Amino acid sequence: MNNQRFWKLGTRIGLFFAILFVVCFVWFFVRGGSPEIEQLHDNLFALSFFGWSGMNAVSFLLGLIQTFIWGYVVVALWNLSESFFKGTINNN
C-alpha cells in the first residue's frame, strides 16, 4: 500500500470510528434509563479510552481523538497482516 493510500484510508476509517463514537456518546443522553445502565455505559467508556473522566466535554474530545487515531492503527495492522500473508503464501 502506498503512502498516500494509507493516509486516505486511515482518515476515512478514523472518521467512521469518530462518527460511531459521537453516536454512542449522544446515545447515553438520549437513552437515559436506569442508573445501572448509565453507569455501565460510563464504565465501558472508561475501559476503552485513556483519560476518561465521565460524560463531559474533555472526555468527549479525548475519546473523539482516540477513535480517529484508531482508524490509522487499524489500517496499519491490516497493511502489516496483508504483507505478512502475501509473503507466506508466495513462499509456499
C-alpha atoms as a PDB file:
ATOM      1  CA  MET A   1       0.000   0.000   0.000  1.00  0.00           C
ATOM      2  CA  ASN A   2       1.481   3.327  -0.968  1.00  0.00           C
ATOM      3  CA  ASN A   3       1.834   6.205   1.473  1.00  0.00           C
ATOM      4  CA  GLN A   4      -0.939   8.365   0.008  1.00  0.00           C
ATOM      5  CA  ARG A   5      -3.431   5.480   0.055  1.00  0.00           C
ATOM      6  CA  PHE A   6      -2.545   4.722   3.702  1.00  0.00           C
ATOM      7  CA  TRP A   7      -3.339   8.275   4.845  1.00  0.00           C
ATOM      8  CA  LYS A   8      -6.508   8.462   2.777  1.00  0.00           C
ATOM      9  CA  LEU A   9      -7.834   5.140   4.039  1.00  0.00           C
ATOM     10  CA  GLY A  10      -6.772   5.883   7.629  1.00  0.00           C
ATOM     11  CA  THR A  11      -8.664   9.172   7.519  1.00  0.00           C
ATOM     12  CA  ARG A  12     -11.797   7.511   6.181  1.00  0.00           C
ATOM     13  CA  ILE A  13     -11.747   4.714   8.757  1.00  0.00           C
ATOM     14  CA  GLY A  14     -10.920   7.235  11.513  1.00  0.00           C
ATOM     15  CA  LEU A  15     -13.854   9.437  10.543  1.00  0.00           C
ATOM     16  CA  PHE A  16     -16.150   6.411  10.510  1.00  0.00           C
ATOM     17  CA  PHE A  17     -14.990   5.435  14.014  1.00  0.00           C
ATOM     18  CA  ALA A  18     -15.361   9.041  15.198  1.00  0.00           C
ATOM     19  CA  ILE A  19     -18.954   9.163  13.914  1.00  0.00           C
ATOM     20  CA  LEU A  20     -19.710   5.919  15.746  1.00  0.00           C
ATOM     21  CA  PHE A  21     -18.205   7.404  18.905  1.00  0.00           C
ATOM     22  CA  VAL A  22     -20.380  10.524  18.622  1.00  0.00           C
ATOM     23  CA  VAL A  23     -23.484   8.362  18.140  1.00  0.00           C
ATOM     24  CA  CYS A  24     -22.569   6.280  21.181  1.00  0.00           C
ATOM     25  CA  PHE A  25     -21.828   9.360  23.286  1.00  0.00           C
ATOM     26  CA  VAL A  26     -25.109  11.035  22.330  1.00  0.00           C
ATOM     27  CA  TRP A  27     -26.979   7.766  22.879  1.00  0.00           C
ATOM     28  CA  PHE A  28     -26.047   7.977  26.569  1.00  0.00           C
ATOM     29  CA  PHE A  29     -28.097  11.162  26.899  1.00  0.00           C
ATOM     30  CA  VAL A  30     -30.911  10.148  24.530  1.00  0.00           C
ATOM     31  CA  ARG A  31     -31.447   6.706  26.031  1.00  0.00           C
ATOM     32  CA  GLY A  32     -31.402   7.696  29.651  1.00  0.00           C
ATOM     33  CA  GLY A  33     -32.842   4.820  31.622  1.00  0.00           C
ATOM     34  CA  SER A  34     -31.766   3.323  34.879  1.00  0.00           C
ATOM     35  CA  PRO A  35     -28.677   4.478  36.774  1.00  0.00           C
ATOM     36  CA  GLU A  36     -27.177   0.996  36.385  1.00  0.00           C
ATOM     37  CA  ILE A  37     -27.252   1.233  32.584  1.00  0.00           C
ATOM     38  CA  GLU A  38     -25.792   4.742  32.666  1.00  0.00           C
ATOM     39  CA  GLN A  39     -23.021   3.532  34.990  1.00  0.00           C
ATOM     40  CA  LEU A  40     -22.279   0.590  32.701  1.00  0.00           C
ATOM     41  CA  HIS A  41     -22.103   2.901  29.679  1.00  0.00           C
ATOM     42  CA  ASP A  42     -19.710   5.215  31.512  1.00  0.00           C
ATOM     43  CA  ASN A  43     -17.593   2.293  32.746  1.00  0.00           C
ATOM     44  CA  LEU A  44     -17.273   0.899  29.225  1.00  0.00           C
ATOM     45  CA  PHE A  45     -16.076   4.292  28.009  1.00  0.00           C
ATOM     46  CA  ALA A  46     -13.578   4.411  30.884  1.00  0.00           C
ATOM     47  CA  LEU A  47     -12.228   0.991  29.888  1.00  0.00           C
ATOM     48  CA  SER A  48     -11.976   1.967  26.230  1.00  0.00           C
ATOM     49  CA  PHE A  49     -10.417   5.443  26.335  1.00  0.00           C
ATOM     50  CA  PHE A  50      -7.364   6.845  28.100  1.00  0.00           C
ATOM     51  CA  GLY A  51      -8.126   9.811  30.332  1.00  0.00           C
ATOM     52  CA  TRP A  52     -11.883   9.207  30.522  1.00  0.00           C
ATOM     53  CA  SER A  53     -13.321  11.125  33.488  1.00  0.00           C
ATOM     54  CA  GLY A  54     -17.063  10.956  32.876  1.00  0.00           C
ATOM     55  CA  MET A  55     -19.580  12.254  30.392  1.00  0.00           C
ATOM     56  CA  ASN A  56     -18.080  15.710  29.915  1.00  0.00           C
ATOM     57  CA  ALA A  57     -16.524  17.825  27.168  1.00  0.00           C
ATOM     58  CA  VAL A  58     -12.909  16.901  27.966  1.00  0.00           C
ATOM     59  CA  SER A  59     -13.636  13.182  27.866  1.00  0.00           C
ATOM     60  CA  PHE A  60     -15.639  13.638  24.677  1.00  0.00           C
ATOM     61  CA  LEU A  61     -12.719  15.386  22.981  1.00  0.00           C
ATOM     62  CA  LEU A  62     -10.193  12.795  24.188  1.00  0.00           C
ATOM     63  CA  GLY A  63     -12.427   9.947  23.041  1.00  0.00           C
ATOM     64  CA  LEU A  64     -13.010  11.561  19.660  1.00  0.00           C
ATOM     65  CA  ILE A  65      -9.281  11.995  19.071  1.00  0.00           C
ATOM     66  CA  GLN A  66      -8.530   8.443  20.174  1.00  0.00           C
ATOM     67  CA  THR A  67     -11.183   6.898  17.949  1.00  0.00           C
ATOM     68  CA  PHE A  68      -9.868   8.874  14.977  1.00  0.00           C
ATOM     69  CA  ILE A  69      -6.323   7.628  15.664  1.00  0.00           C
ATOM     70  CA  TRP A  70      -7.631   4.060  15.868  1.00  0.00           C
ATOM     71  CA  GLY A  71      -8.511   4.368  12.183  1.00  0.00           C
ATOM     72  CA  TYR A  72      -4.825   4.687  11.337  1.00  0.00           C
ATOM     73  CA  VAL A  73      -3.906   1.871  13.714  1.00  0.00           C
ATOM     74  CA  VAL A  74      -6.419  -0.457  12.055  1.00  0.00           C
ATOM     75  CA  VAL A  75      -5.149   0.399   8.574  1.00  0.00           C
ATOM     76  CA  ALA A  76      -1.534  -0.112   9.685  1.00  0.00           C
ATOM     77  CA  LEU A  77      -2.339  -3.507  11.221  1.00  0.00           C
ATOM     78  CA  TRP A  78      -4.296  -4.505   8.135  1.00  0.00           C
ATOM     79  CA  ASN A  79      -1.359  -3.468   5.968  1.00  0.00           C
ATOM     80  CA  LEU A  80       1.105  -5.465   8.091  1.00  0.00           C
ATOM     81  CA  SER A  81      -1.051  -8.579   8.066  1.00  0.00           C
ATOM     82  CA  GLU A  82      -1.585  -8.263   4.320  1.00  0.00           C
ATOM     83  CA  SER A  83       2.166  -8.015   3.769  1.00  0.00           C
ATOM     84  CA  PHE A  84       2.840 -10.960   6.080  1.00  0.00           C
ATOM     85  CA  PHE A  85       0.301 -13.265   4.450  1.00  0.00           C
ATOM     86  CA  LYS A  86       1.316 -12.291   0.924  1.00  0.00           C
ATOM     87  CA  GLY A  87       4.871 -13.281   1.786  1.00  0.00           C
ATOM     88  CA  THR A  88       3.712 -16.504   3.421  1.00  0.00           C
ATOM     89  CA  ILE A  89       1.504 -17.502   0.505  1.00  0.00           C
ATOM     90  CA  ASN A  90       4.098 -16.597  -2.134  1.00  0.00           C
ATOM     91  CA  ASN A  91       6.842 -18.596  -0.364  1.00  0.00           C
ATOM     92  CA  ASN A  92       4.834 -21.837  -0.404  1.00  0.00           C
END
